[in-house]
Amino acid sequence: MPESTPSSLCVFCGARFGTDPVTRTTAVALGELLAREGVTLVYGGGGVGLMGLVANAALSGGGKVVGIIPNFLLQREAGHPALTETVVVETMHERKLEMFERSDAFVVLPGGIGTLEEFFEVLSWRTLGLHTKPIVIIDQGGYWQPLAALLRGVVEGGFAERTHLDHVAFVTDLKDVLPAIAAMPRSAGFEKRLDRV
């Protein structure tokens, strides 16, 4: 594994499939890619929707998959039954922190409100200087174009620095995910404790 390849990657994505069938293909291909490259998948621990597809593809390819899931979702039988490791936490806040701490970078596939919340939290932490981990959005089929426009609007409206746009890379092709992660600037040795937030 090249030095620039992360050892673990957190994927934020939907617990539903969405309406575009190509999204499912992309989720499967991402899981296969991580397994092939020896990158541990860290995700929300679900067995349904895109989450389940990414996890199953990574597992089928011989990859390591770590799921972080709150106990209340596990009780609803929304958890994946066959992961390499399942970490059960009590709250959604604990889930996000655990996912963050176990990951070297973040990739965002299509998803809903929960996916947006996870993305915005790690982006907010990055703009506050709490981490320098790469964040890559797979903009398959233009799904995330409204998000890209929103982020630009926030900058143009004077509520964020233009440099904050550099904290997120948008890619349209899966082959560009790992190169985008490798290309994103990281400050060596710079990382504040998130529990100070």
N, C-alpha and C. Protein backbone atom coordinates (compact mmCIF):
# COMPACT_ATOMS: atom_id res chain seq x y z
N MET A 1 0.86 -1.18 0.00
CA MET A 1 0.00 0.00 0.00
C MET A 1 0.90 1.24 0.00
N PRO A 2 0.73 2.15 -0.98
CA PRO A 2 1.53 3.37 -1.00
C PRO A 2 1.34 4.17 0.27
N GLU A 3 2.38 4.96 0.62
CA GLU A 3 2.34 5.74 1.86
C GLU A 3 1.16 6.71 1.88
N SER A 4 0.76 7.18 0.70
CA SER A 4 -0.32 8.17 0.62
C SER A 4 -1.71 7.56 0.75
N THR A 5 -1.80 6.22 0.69
CA THR A 5 -3.09 5.56 0.81
C THR A 5 -3.46 5.45 2.29
N PRO A 6 -4.68 5.87 2.65
CA PRO A 6 -5.07 5.78 4.07
C PRO A 6 -5.19 4.32 4.50
N SER A 7 -4.89 4.06 5.77
CA SER A 7 -5.06 2.69 6.27
C SER A 7 -6.52 2.41 6.61
N SER A 8 -7.26 3.49 6.93
CA SER A 8 -8.69 3.33 7.20
C SER A 8 -9.44 4.54 6.65
N LEU A 9 -10.62 4.28 6.16
CA LEU A 9 -11.40 5.33 5.51
C LEU A 9 -12.84 5.25 5.99
N CYS A 10 -13.38 6.37 6.42
CA CYS A 10 -14.76 6.43 6.88
C CYS A 10 -15.66 6.80 5.71
N VAL A 11 -16.71 6.03 5.51
CA VAL A 11 -17.68 6.32 4.45
C VAL A 11 -19.00 6.73 5.07
N PHE A 12 -19.47 7.92 4.68
CA PHE A 12 -20.80 8.39 5.05
C PHE A 12 -21.70 8.18 3.85
N CYS A 13 -22.84 7.53 4.05
CA CYS A 13 -23.77 7.30 2.94
C CYS A 13 -25.14 6.92 3.49
N GLY A 14 -26.09 6.78 2.58
CA GLY A 14 -27.47 6.56 2.96
C GLY A 14 -27.79 5.16 3.46
N ALA A 15 -28.78 5.09 4.35
CA ALA A 15 -29.34 3.83 4.81
C ALA A 15 -30.49 3.42 3.88
N ARG A 16 -30.65 4.17 2.80
CA ARG A 16 -31.59 3.83 1.73
C ARG A 16 -30.78 3.71 0.45
N PHE A 17 -31.44 3.20 -0.61
CA PHE A 17 -30.74 3.01 -1.88
C PHE A 17 -30.78 4.24 -2.78
N GLY A 18 -31.76 5.12 -2.59
CA GLY A 18 -31.91 6.23 -3.50
C GLY A 18 -32.59 5.80 -4.79
N THR A 19 -32.85 6.74 -5.66
CA THR A 19 -33.60 6.45 -6.88
C THR A 19 -32.73 6.12 -8.08
N ASP A 20 -31.45 6.53 -8.05
CA ASP A 20 -30.55 6.30 -9.19
C ASP A 20 -29.83 4.96 -9.01
N PRO A 21 -30.09 3.98 -9.88
CA PRO A 21 -29.46 2.67 -9.72
C PRO A 21 -27.93 2.70 -9.83
N VAL A 22 -27.39 3.71 -10.51
CA VAL A 22 -25.95 3.82 -10.64
C VAL A 22 -25.30 4.06 -9.28
N THR A 23 -26.04 4.68 -8.37
CA THR A 23 -25.53 4.92 -7.02
C THR A 23 -25.21 3.60 -6.33
N ARG A 24 -26.03 2.60 -6.55
CA ARG A 24 -25.79 1.29 -5.95
C ARG A 24 -24.49 0.68 -6.50
N THR A 25 -24.31 0.81 -7.81
CA THR A 25 -23.11 0.29 -8.46
C THR A 25 -21.87 0.97 -7.89
N THR A 26 -21.96 2.28 -7.68
CA THR A 26 -20.83 3.04 -7.14
C THR A 26 -20.51 2.59 -5.72
N ALA A 27 -21.54 2.36 -4.91
CA ALA A 27 -21.33 1.92 -3.53
C ALA A 27 -20.61 0.57 -3.50
N VAL A 28 -21.04 -0.35 -4.35
CA VAL A 28 -20.40 -1.67 -4.42
C VAL A 28 -18.95 -1.52 -4.88
N ALA A 29 -18.74 -0.72 -5.90
CA ALA A 29 -17.39 -0.53 -6.43
C ALA A 29 -16.46 0.11 -5.40
N LEU A 30 -16.98 1.01 -4.56
CA LEU A 30 -16.16 1.62 -3.51
C LEU A 30 -15.74 0.57 -2.49
N GLY A 31 -16.68 -0.28 -2.07
CA GLY A 31 -16.33 -1.35 -1.14
C GLY A 31 -15.28 -2.28 -1.71
N GLU A 32 -15.42 -2.63 -2.99
CA GLU A 32 -14.44 -3.50 -3.66
C GLU A 32 -13.07 -2.82 -3.73
N LEU A 33 -13.07 -1.52 -4.02
CA LEU A 33 -11.82 -0.77 -4.10
C LEU A 33 -11.08 -0.76 -2.77
N LEU A 34 -11.81 -0.52 -1.69
CA LEU A 34 -11.17 -0.48 -0.37
C LEU A 34 -10.58 -1.83 -0.01
N ALA A 35 -11.32 -2.91 -0.30
CA ALA A 35 -10.80 -4.25 -0.02
C ALA A 35 -9.54 -4.52 -0.84
N ARG A 36 -9.59 -4.18 -2.11
CA ARG A 36 -8.47 -4.42 -3.02
C ARG A 36 -7.22 -3.65 -2.58
N GLU A 37 -7.41 -2.44 -2.07
CA GLU A 37 -6.28 -1.59 -1.66
C GLU A 37 -5.85 -1.83 -0.22
N GLY A 38 -6.55 -2.74 0.48
CA GLY A 38 -6.20 -3.03 1.87
C GLY A 38 -6.54 -1.91 2.83
N VAL A 39 -7.57 -1.12 2.49
CA VAL A 39 -8.00 -0.01 3.34
C VAL A 39 -9.19 -0.46 4.18
N THR A 40 -9.11 -0.30 5.49
CA THR A 40 -10.20 -0.67 6.38
C THR A 40 -11.37 0.29 6.19
N LEU A 41 -12.56 -0.26 5.99
CA LEU A 41 -13.77 0.55 5.90
C LEU A 41 -14.31 0.79 7.30
N VAL A 42 -14.50 2.06 7.63
CA VAL A 42 -15.17 2.45 8.88
C VAL A 42 -16.47 3.11 8.47
N TYR A 43 -17.58 2.67 9.05
CA TYR A 43 -18.87 3.24 8.64
C TYR A 43 -19.87 3.08 9.77
N GLY A 44 -21.11 3.47 9.52
CA GLY A 44 -22.12 3.52 10.56
C GLY A 44 -22.70 2.20 11.03
N GLY A 45 -22.21 1.08 10.51
CA GLY A 45 -22.59 -0.23 11.03
C GLY A 45 -23.89 -0.80 10.55
N GLY A 46 -24.57 -0.12 9.63
CA GLY A 46 -25.86 -0.60 9.14
C GLY A 46 -25.73 -1.68 8.07
N GLY A 47 -26.77 -2.49 7.96
CA GLY A 47 -26.80 -3.54 6.95
C GLY A 47 -27.76 -3.24 5.83
N VAL A 48 -28.28 -2.01 5.78
CA VAL A 48 -29.31 -1.66 4.80
C VAL A 48 -28.84 -0.52 3.90
N GLY A 49 -29.51 -0.36 2.77
CA GLY A 49 -29.22 0.74 1.86
C GLY A 49 -27.81 0.72 1.32
N LEU A 50 -27.30 1.90 0.98
CA LEU A 50 -25.94 2.01 0.44
C LEU A 50 -24.92 1.55 1.47
N MET A 51 -25.22 1.80 2.76
CA MET A 51 -24.31 1.38 3.83
C MET A 51 -24.05 -0.13 3.75
N GLY A 52 -25.12 -0.89 3.59
CA GLY A 52 -25.00 -2.34 3.51
C GLY A 52 -24.25 -2.78 2.27
N LEU A 53 -24.49 -2.10 1.15
CA LEU A 53 -23.81 -2.45 -0.10
C LEU A 53 -22.30 -2.25 -0.01
N VAL A 54 -21.88 -1.11 0.53
CA VAL A 54 -20.45 -0.83 0.67
C VAL A 54 -19.80 -1.88 1.57
N ALA A 55 -20.43 -2.14 2.70
CA ALA A 55 -19.88 -3.10 3.67
C ALA A 55 -19.82 -4.51 3.08
N ASN A 56 -20.89 -4.95 2.44
CA ASN A 56 -20.91 -6.29 1.87
C ASN A 56 -19.85 -6.46 0.78
N ALA A 57 -19.68 -5.43 -0.04
CA ALA A 57 -18.69 -5.50 -1.12
C ALA A 57 -17.28 -5.58 -0.54
N ALA A 58 -17.02 -4.79 0.49
CA ALA A 58 -15.69 -4.82 1.12
C ALA A 58 -15.44 -6.18 1.76
N LEU A 59 -16.44 -6.71 2.45
CA LEU A 59 -16.29 -8.03 3.09
C LEU A 59 -16.10 -9.13 2.06
N SER A 60 -16.87 -9.07 0.98
CA SER A 60 -16.77 -10.08 -0.08
C SER A 60 -15.39 -10.06 -0.73
N GLY A 61 -14.77 -8.87 -0.75
CA GLY A 61 -13.44 -8.75 -1.34
C GLY A 61 -12.32 -9.07 -0.36
N GLY A 62 -12.68 -9.53 0.83
CA GLY A 62 -11.68 -9.88 1.83
C GLY A 62 -11.20 -8.71 2.66
N GLY A 63 -11.93 -7.60 2.60
CA GLY A 63 -11.53 -6.41 3.34
C GLY A 63 -11.99 -6.44 4.79
N LYS A 64 -11.43 -5.51 5.55
CA LYS A 64 -11.78 -5.36 6.97
C LYS A 64 -12.82 -4.25 7.07
N VAL A 65 -13.90 -4.51 7.83
CA VAL A 65 -14.98 -3.55 7.96
C VAL A 65 -15.32 -3.34 9.44
N VAL A 66 -15.27 -2.09 9.87
CA VAL A 66 -15.59 -1.74 11.25
C VAL A 66 -16.87 -0.90 11.23
N GLY A 67 -17.88 -1.36 11.94
CA GLY A 67 -19.14 -0.64 12.03
C GLY A 67 -19.32 -0.02 13.40
N ILE A 68 -19.72 1.25 13.42
CA ILE A 68 -19.96 1.95 14.68
C ILE A 68 -21.46 2.25 14.74
N ILE A 69 -22.15 1.68 15.70
CA ILE A 69 -23.61 1.82 15.71
C ILE A 69 -24.13 2.08 17.12
N PRO A 70 -25.07 3.00 17.25
CA PRO A 70 -25.67 3.23 18.57
C PRO A 70 -26.55 2.05 18.96
N ASN A 71 -26.64 1.79 20.25
CA ASN A 71 -27.41 0.67 20.75
C ASN A 71 -28.87 0.70 20.31
N PHE A 72 -29.47 1.90 20.24
CA PHE A 72 -30.89 1.96 19.88
C PHE A 72 -31.14 1.51 18.44
N LEU A 73 -30.15 1.73 17.55
CA LEU A 73 -30.31 1.24 16.17
C LEU A 73 -30.08 -0.27 16.11
N LEU A 74 -29.18 -0.75 16.95
CA LEU A 74 -28.93 -2.19 17.00
C LEU A 74 -30.18 -2.91 17.47
N GLN A 75 -30.90 -2.32 18.42
CA GLN A 75 -32.13 -2.92 18.94
C GLN A 75 -33.21 -3.00 17.86
N ARG A 76 -33.15 -2.08 16.90
CA ARG A 76 -34.11 -2.10 15.79
C ARG A 76 -33.69 -3.07 14.69
N GLU A 77 -32.61 -3.82 14.96
CA GLU A 77 -32.08 -4.80 14.01
C GLU A 77 -31.61 -4.15 12.72
N ALA A 78 -31.10 -2.92 12.84
CA ALA A 78 -30.59 -2.21 11.67
C ALA A 78 -29.10 -2.44 11.48
N GLY A 79 -28.48 -3.18 12.41
CA GLY A 79 -27.04 -3.42 12.32
C GLY A 79 -26.69 -4.52 11.34
N HIS A 80 -25.45 -4.51 10.88
CA HIS A 80 -24.95 -5.55 9.98
C HIS A 80 -24.49 -6.72 10.83
N PRO A 81 -24.91 -7.94 10.49
CA PRO A 81 -24.61 -9.08 11.37
C PRO A 81 -23.23 -9.70 11.20
N ALA A 82 -22.46 -9.31 10.17
CA ALA A 82 -21.24 -10.07 9.88
C ALA A 82 -20.00 -9.21 9.65
N LEU A 83 -19.86 -8.15 10.41
CA LEU A 83 -18.71 -7.27 10.22
C LEU A 83 -17.46 -7.82 10.88
N THR A 84 -16.30 -7.31 10.48
CA THR A 84 -15.05 -7.68 11.11
C THR A 84 -15.07 -7.27 12.57
N GLU A 85 -15.61 -6.06 12.81
CA GLU A 85 -15.73 -5.54 14.18
C GLU A 85 -16.94 -4.63 14.25
N THR A 86 -17.73 -4.80 15.30
CA THR A 86 -18.86 -3.90 15.55
C THR A 86 -18.64 -3.22 16.89
N VAL A 87 -18.69 -1.90 16.89
CA VAL A 87 -18.53 -1.11 18.11
C VAL A 87 -19.90 -0.51 18.43
N VAL A 88 -20.42 -0.87 19.59
CA VAL A 88 -21.73 -0.36 20.00
C VAL A 88 -21.53 0.80 20.97
N VAL A 89 -22.15 1.94 20.63
CA VAL A 89 -22.06 3.14 21.46
C VAL A 89 -23.46 3.52 21.91
N GLU A 90 -23.55 4.50 22.77
CA GLU A 90 -24.87 4.89 23.31
C GLU A 90 -25.54 6.00 22.52
N THR A 91 -24.76 6.92 21.99
CA THR A 91 -25.37 8.09 21.34
C THR A 91 -24.82 8.30 19.93
N MET A 92 -25.54 9.12 19.15
CA MET A 92 -25.09 9.47 17.81
C MET A 92 -23.80 10.29 17.89
N HIS A 93 -23.67 11.11 18.93
CA HIS A 93 -22.45 11.90 19.10
C HIS A 93 -21.24 10.99 19.30
N GLU A 94 -21.40 9.97 20.14
CA GLU A 94 -20.31 9.01 20.37
C GLU A 94 -19.97 8.29 19.08
N ARG A 95 -20.99 7.96 18.31
CA ARG A 95 -20.79 7.26 17.04
C ARG A 95 -19.89 8.08 16.11
N LYS A 96 -20.22 9.36 15.95
CA LYS A 96 -19.44 10.20 15.04
C LYS A 96 -18.00 10.38 15.51
N LEU A 97 -17.82 10.54 16.82
CA LEU A 97 -16.46 10.70 17.35
C LEU A 97 -15.64 9.43 17.15
N GLU A 98 -16.27 8.28 17.40
CA GLU A 98 -15.57 6.99 17.22
C GLU A 98 -15.21 6.77 15.76
N MET A 99 -16.14 7.10 14.86
CA MET A 99 -15.86 6.97 13.42
C MET A 99 -14.69 7.89 13.04
N PHE A 100 -14.71 9.11 13.56
CA PHE A 100 -13.64 10.05 13.29
C PHE A 100 -12.29 9.51 13.76
N GLU A 101 -12.26 9.04 15.00
CA GLU A 101 -10.98 8.63 15.59
C GLU A 101 -10.38 7.40 14.92
N ARG A 102 -11.23 6.58 14.33
CA ARG A 102 -10.74 5.35 13.69
C ARG A 102 -10.41 5.54 12.21
N SER A 103 -10.52 6.75 11.69
CA SER A 103 -10.37 6.97 10.25
C SER A 103 -9.28 7.96 9.92
N ASP A 104 -8.64 7.73 8.76
CA ASP A 104 -7.61 8.64 8.26
C ASP A 104 -8.18 9.65 7.27
N ALA A 105 -9.35 9.35 6.72
CA ALA A 105 -9.97 10.23 5.71
C ALA A 105 -11.45 9.89 5.65
N PHE A 106 -12.20 10.75 4.94
CA PHE A 106 -13.65 10.57 4.83
C PHE A 106 -14.08 10.62 3.37
N VAL A 107 -15.02 9.75 3.03
CA VAL A 107 -15.61 9.75 1.70
C VAL A 107 -17.12 9.80 1.87
N VAL A 108 -17.76 10.65 1.08
CA VAL A 108 -19.21 10.83 1.17
C VAL A 108 -19.86 10.36 -0.13
N LEU A 109 -20.74 9.37 -0.01
CA LEU A 109 -21.58 8.91 -1.11
C LEU A 109 -22.95 9.58 -0.96
N PRO A 110 -23.83 9.44 -1.93
CA PRO A 110 -25.18 9.98 -1.75
C PRO A 110 -25.84 9.46 -0.47
N GLY A 111 -26.63 10.32 0.13
CA GLY A 111 -27.34 9.97 1.36
C GLY A 111 -28.31 11.07 1.71
N GLY A 112 -28.90 10.95 2.89
CA GLY A 112 -29.92 11.90 3.31
C GLY A 112 -29.45 12.81 4.42
N ILE A 113 -30.37 13.12 5.33
CA ILE A 113 -30.10 14.07 6.40
C ILE A 113 -28.95 13.61 7.29
N GLY A 114 -28.91 12.33 7.63
CA GLY A 114 -27.84 11.83 8.48
C GLY A 114 -26.48 11.95 7.82
N THR A 115 -26.42 11.67 6.53
CA THR A 115 -25.17 11.80 5.78
C THR A 115 -24.71 13.25 5.75
N LEU A 116 -25.65 14.16 5.51
CA LEU A 116 -25.31 15.58 5.51
C LEU A 116 -24.79 16.02 6.87
N GLU A 117 -25.44 15.55 7.94
CA GLU A 117 -25.03 15.93 9.29
C GLU A 117 -23.62 15.44 9.58
N GLU A 118 -23.32 14.20 9.20
CA GLU A 118 -21.98 13.65 9.43
C GLU A 118 -20.94 14.44 8.65
N PHE A 119 -21.24 14.73 7.39
CA PHE A 119 -20.32 15.50 6.56
C PHE A 119 -20.06 16.88 7.15
N PHE A 120 -21.13 17.59 7.50
CA PHE A 120 -20.96 18.95 8.01
C PHE A 120 -20.20 18.98 9.33
N GLU A 121 -20.37 17.95 10.14
CA GLU A 121 -19.63 17.93 11.41
C GLU A 121 -18.14 17.80 11.17
N VAL A 122 -17.71 16.85 10.31
CA VAL A 122 -16.26 16.71 10.09
C VAL A 122 -15.71 17.91 9.33
N LEU A 123 -16.52 18.52 8.46
CA LEU A 123 -16.08 19.74 7.77
C LEU A 123 -15.93 20.89 8.77
N SER A 124 -16.89 21.03 9.67
CA SER A 124 -16.82 22.07 10.69
C SER A 124 -15.58 21.89 11.56
N TRP A 125 -15.32 20.65 11.99
CA TRP A 125 -14.14 20.37 12.80
C TRP A 125 -12.87 20.76 12.04
N ARG A 126 -12.88 20.50 10.73
CA ARG A 126 -11.68 20.84 9.93
C ARG A 126 -11.50 22.35 9.84
N THR A 127 -12.58 23.08 9.59
CA THR A 127 -12.45 24.54 9.48
C THR A 127 -12.04 25.17 10.81
N LEU A 128 -12.34 24.49 11.92
CA LEU A 128 -11.94 24.98 13.23
C LEU A 128 -10.49 24.59 13.57
N GLY A 129 -9.87 23.85 12.69
CA GLY A 129 -8.49 23.44 12.92
C GLY A 129 -8.33 22.26 13.85
N LEU A 130 -9.40 21.48 14.02
CA LEU A 130 -9.34 20.33 14.92
C LEU A 130 -8.77 19.08 14.25
N HIS A 131 -8.70 19.08 12.93
CA HIS A 131 -8.07 17.97 12.22
C HIS A 131 -7.71 18.44 10.82
N THR A 132 -6.90 17.62 10.13
CA THR A 132 -6.53 17.90 8.75
C THR A 132 -6.78 16.67 7.86
N LYS A 133 -7.72 15.84 8.27
CA LYS A 133 -8.02 14.63 7.49
C LYS A 133 -8.77 14.99 6.21
N PRO A 134 -8.41 14.36 5.09
CA PRO A 134 -9.07 14.66 3.82
C PRO A 134 -10.55 14.28 3.82
N ILE A 135 -11.34 15.06 3.09
CA ILE A 135 -12.77 14.81 2.92
C ILE A 135 -13.05 14.83 1.43
N VAL A 136 -13.56 13.72 0.90
CA VAL A 136 -13.83 13.60 -0.53
C VAL A 136 -15.30 13.23 -0.73
N ILE A 137 -15.95 13.95 -1.62
CA ILE A 137 -17.34 13.69 -1.95
C ILE A 137 -17.41 13.08 -3.35
N ILE A 138 -18.04 11.91 -3.45
CA ILE A 138 -18.24 11.29 -4.75
C ILE A 138 -19.55 11.84 -5.31
N ASP A 139 -19.41 12.72 -6.29
CA ASP A 139 -20.56 13.41 -6.86
C ASP A 139 -21.08 12.64 -8.07
N GLN A 140 -21.49 11.44 -7.82
CA GLN A 140 -21.98 10.56 -8.89
C GLN A 140 -23.30 11.09 -9.42
N GLY A 141 -23.37 11.34 -10.71
CA GLY A 141 -24.61 11.78 -11.33
C GLY A 141 -25.05 13.19 -10.96
N GLY A 142 -24.14 13.97 -10.35
CA GLY A 142 -24.47 15.34 -9.99
C GLY A 142 -25.32 15.48 -8.74
N TYR A 143 -25.46 14.39 -7.98
CA TYR A 143 -26.30 14.41 -6.78
C TYR A 143 -25.89 15.52 -5.80
N TRP A 144 -24.57 15.72 -5.66
CA TRP A 144 -24.09 16.67 -4.66
C TRP A 144 -23.83 18.07 -5.22
N GLN A 145 -24.24 18.36 -6.46
CA GLN A 145 -24.04 19.70 -7.01
C GLN A 145 -24.74 20.79 -6.20
N PRO A 146 -25.96 20.55 -5.70
CA PRO A 146 -26.57 21.58 -4.83
C PRO A 146 -25.75 21.85 -3.57
N LEU A 147 -25.08 20.81 -3.04
CA LEU A 147 -24.23 20.99 -1.87
C LEU A 147 -23.01 21.84 -2.24
N ALA A 148 -22.40 21.56 -3.38
CA ALA A 148 -21.25 22.34 -3.83
C ALA A 148 -21.64 23.81 -4.00
N ALA A 149 -22.82 24.03 -4.56
CA ALA A 149 -23.31 25.40 -4.76
C ALA A 149 -23.56 26.08 -3.41
N LEU A 150 -24.10 25.34 -2.46
CA LEU A 150 -24.36 25.88 -1.12
C LEU A 150 -23.05 26.31 -0.46
N LEU A 151 -22.03 25.46 -0.54
CA LEU A 151 -20.75 25.78 0.08
C LEU A 151 -20.14 27.03 -0.56
N ARG A 152 -20.23 27.13 -1.88
CA ARG A 152 -19.74 28.33 -2.56
C ARG A 152 -20.52 29.56 -2.11
N GLY A 153 -21.84 29.40 -1.96
CA GLY A 153 -22.69 30.50 -1.52
C GLY A 153 -22.35 30.98 -0.12
N VAL A 154 -21.99 30.06 0.75
CA VAL A 154 -21.59 30.42 2.12
C VAL A 154 -20.33 31.29 2.08
N VAL A 155 -19.39 30.91 1.22
CA VAL A 155 -18.16 31.69 1.07
C VAL A 155 -18.46 33.06 0.46
N GLU A 156 -19.24 33.05 -0.63
CA GLU A 156 -19.57 34.30 -1.32
C GLU A 156 -20.40 35.23 -0.43
N GLY A 157 -21.16 34.65 0.49
CA GLY A 157 -21.96 35.44 1.41
C GLY A 157 -21.18 35.97 2.59
N GLY A 158 -19.89 35.62 2.66
CA GLY A 158 -19.03 36.14 3.71
C GLY A 158 -19.06 35.38 5.01
N PHE A 159 -19.58 34.14 5.00
CA PHE A 159 -19.67 33.37 6.24
C PHE A 159 -18.61 32.29 6.37
N ALA A 160 -17.72 32.20 5.41
CA ALA A 160 -16.61 31.25 5.48
C ALA A 160 -15.47 31.76 4.62
N GLU A 161 -14.27 31.32 4.94
CA GLU A 161 -13.10 31.70 4.14
C GLU A 161 -13.09 30.91 2.84
N ARG A 162 -12.58 31.52 1.78
CA ARG A 162 -12.48 30.80 0.50
C ARG A 162 -11.62 29.54 0.64
N THR A 163 -10.62 29.59 1.52
CA THR A 163 -9.74 28.43 1.73
C THR A 163 -10.51 27.24 2.30
N HIS A 164 -11.66 27.50 2.93
CA HIS A 164 -12.46 26.39 3.47
C HIS A 164 -12.96 25.47 2.37
N LEU A 165 -13.10 26.00 1.16
CA LEU A 165 -13.53 25.16 0.04
C LEU A 165 -12.46 24.12 -0.31
N ASP A 166 -11.22 24.40 0.06
CA ASP A 166 -10.13 23.45 -0.20
C ASP A 166 -10.17 22.25 0.73
N HIS A 167 -11.00 22.31 1.75
CA HIS A 167 -11.09 21.21 2.71
C HIS A 167 -11.92 20.05 2.19
N VAL A 168 -12.59 20.26 1.06
CA VAL A 168 -13.44 19.22 0.47
C VAL A 168 -13.09 19.07 -1.01
N ALA A 169 -12.91 17.83 -1.45
CA ALA A 169 -12.68 17.56 -2.87
C ALA A 169 -13.90 16.85 -3.43
N PHE A 170 -14.42 17.35 -4.53
CA PHE A 170 -15.53 16.70 -5.23
C PHE A 170 -14.95 15.92 -6.41
N VAL A 171 -15.28 14.64 -6.50
CA VAL A 171 -14.85 13.82 -7.64
C VAL A 171 -16.07 13.17 -8.27
N THR A 172 -15.99 12.89 -9.55
CA THR A 172 -17.12 12.26 -10.24
C THR A 172 -16.83 10.80 -10.58
N ASP A 173 -15.58 10.40 -10.46
CA ASP A 173 -15.18 9.04 -10.83
C ASP A 173 -14.49 8.37 -9.65
N LEU A 174 -14.85 7.14 -9.40
CA LEU A 174 -14.31 6.39 -8.27
C LEU A 174 -12.78 6.28 -8.32
N LYS A 175 -12.23 6.21 -9.52
CA LYS A 175 -10.78 6.07 -9.64
C LYS A 175 -10.03 7.29 -9.10
N ASP A 176 -10.75 8.40 -8.94
CA ASP A 176 -10.11 9.62 -8.46
C ASP A 176 -10.16 9.78 -6.94
N VAL A 177 -10.83 8.85 -6.24
CA VAL A 177 -11.00 9.00 -4.79
C VAL A 177 -9.67 8.95 -4.05
N LEU A 178 -8.92 7.87 -4.21
CA LEU A 178 -7.65 7.75 -3.47
C LEU A 178 -6.63 8.79 -3.90
N PRO A 179 -6.50 9.10 -5.22
CA PRO A 179 -5.60 10.20 -5.60
C PRO A 179 -6.01 11.54 -5.00
N ALA A 180 -7.32 11.80 -4.90
CA ALA A 180 -7.78 13.06 -4.30
C ALA A 180 -7.41 13.12 -2.83
N ILE A 181 -7.53 11.99 -2.14
CA ILE A 181 -7.14 11.93 -0.72
C ILE A 181 -5.65 12.20 -0.59
N ALA A 182 -4.86 11.56 -1.45
CA ALA A 182 -3.41 11.72 -1.39
C ALA A 182 -2.98 13.15 -1.68
N ALA A 183 -3.75 13.85 -2.55
CA ALA A 183 -3.37 15.20 -2.97
C ALA A 183 -3.78 16.28 -1.98
N MET A 184 -4.70 15.97 -1.07
CA MET A 184 -5.17 17.00 -0.14
C MET A 184 -4.08 17.32 0.89
N PRO A 185 -3.83 18.62 1.10
CA PRO A 185 -2.76 19.00 2.03
C PRO A 185 -3.09 18.61 3.46
N ARG A 186 -2.06 18.12 4.15
CA ARG A 186 -2.21 17.78 5.57
C ARG A 186 -1.05 18.39 6.33
N SER A 187 -1.34 18.93 7.49
CA SER A 187 -0.29 19.51 8.33
C SER A 187 0.26 18.42 9.24
N ALA A 188 1.52 18.10 9.07
CA ALA A 188 2.14 17.03 9.86
C ALA A 188 2.12 17.37 11.34
N GLY A 189 1.65 16.43 12.13
CA GLY A 189 1.67 16.57 13.58
C GLY A 189 0.66 17.54 14.15
N PHE A 190 -0.23 18.07 13.28
CA PHE A 190 -1.19 19.07 13.76
C PHE A 190 -2.56 18.44 13.93
N GLU A 191 -2.97 18.28 15.17
CA GLU A 191 -4.30 17.77 15.43
C GLU A 191 -4.69 18.04 16.88
N LYS A 192 -5.71 18.83 17.07
CA LYS A 192 -6.17 19.13 18.42
C LYS A 192 -7.13 18.04 18.88
N ARG A 193 -7.30 17.94 20.18
CA ARG A 193 -8.24 16.96 20.72
C ARG A 193 -9.67 17.42 20.46
N LEU A 194 -10.47 16.54 19.89
CA LEU A 194 -11.85 16.90 19.57
C LEU A 194 -12.70 17.08 20.81
N ASP A 195 -12.30 16.49 21.91
CA ASP A 195 -13.14 16.63 23.11
C ASP A 195 -13.07 18.05 23.69
N ARG A 196 -12.28 18.90 23.08
CA ARG A 196 -12.24 20.30 23.51
C ARG A 196 -13.35 21.12 22.88
N VAL A 197 -14.01 20.56 21.88
CA VAL A 197 -15.07 21.30 21.19
C VAL A 197 -16.25 21.53 22.13
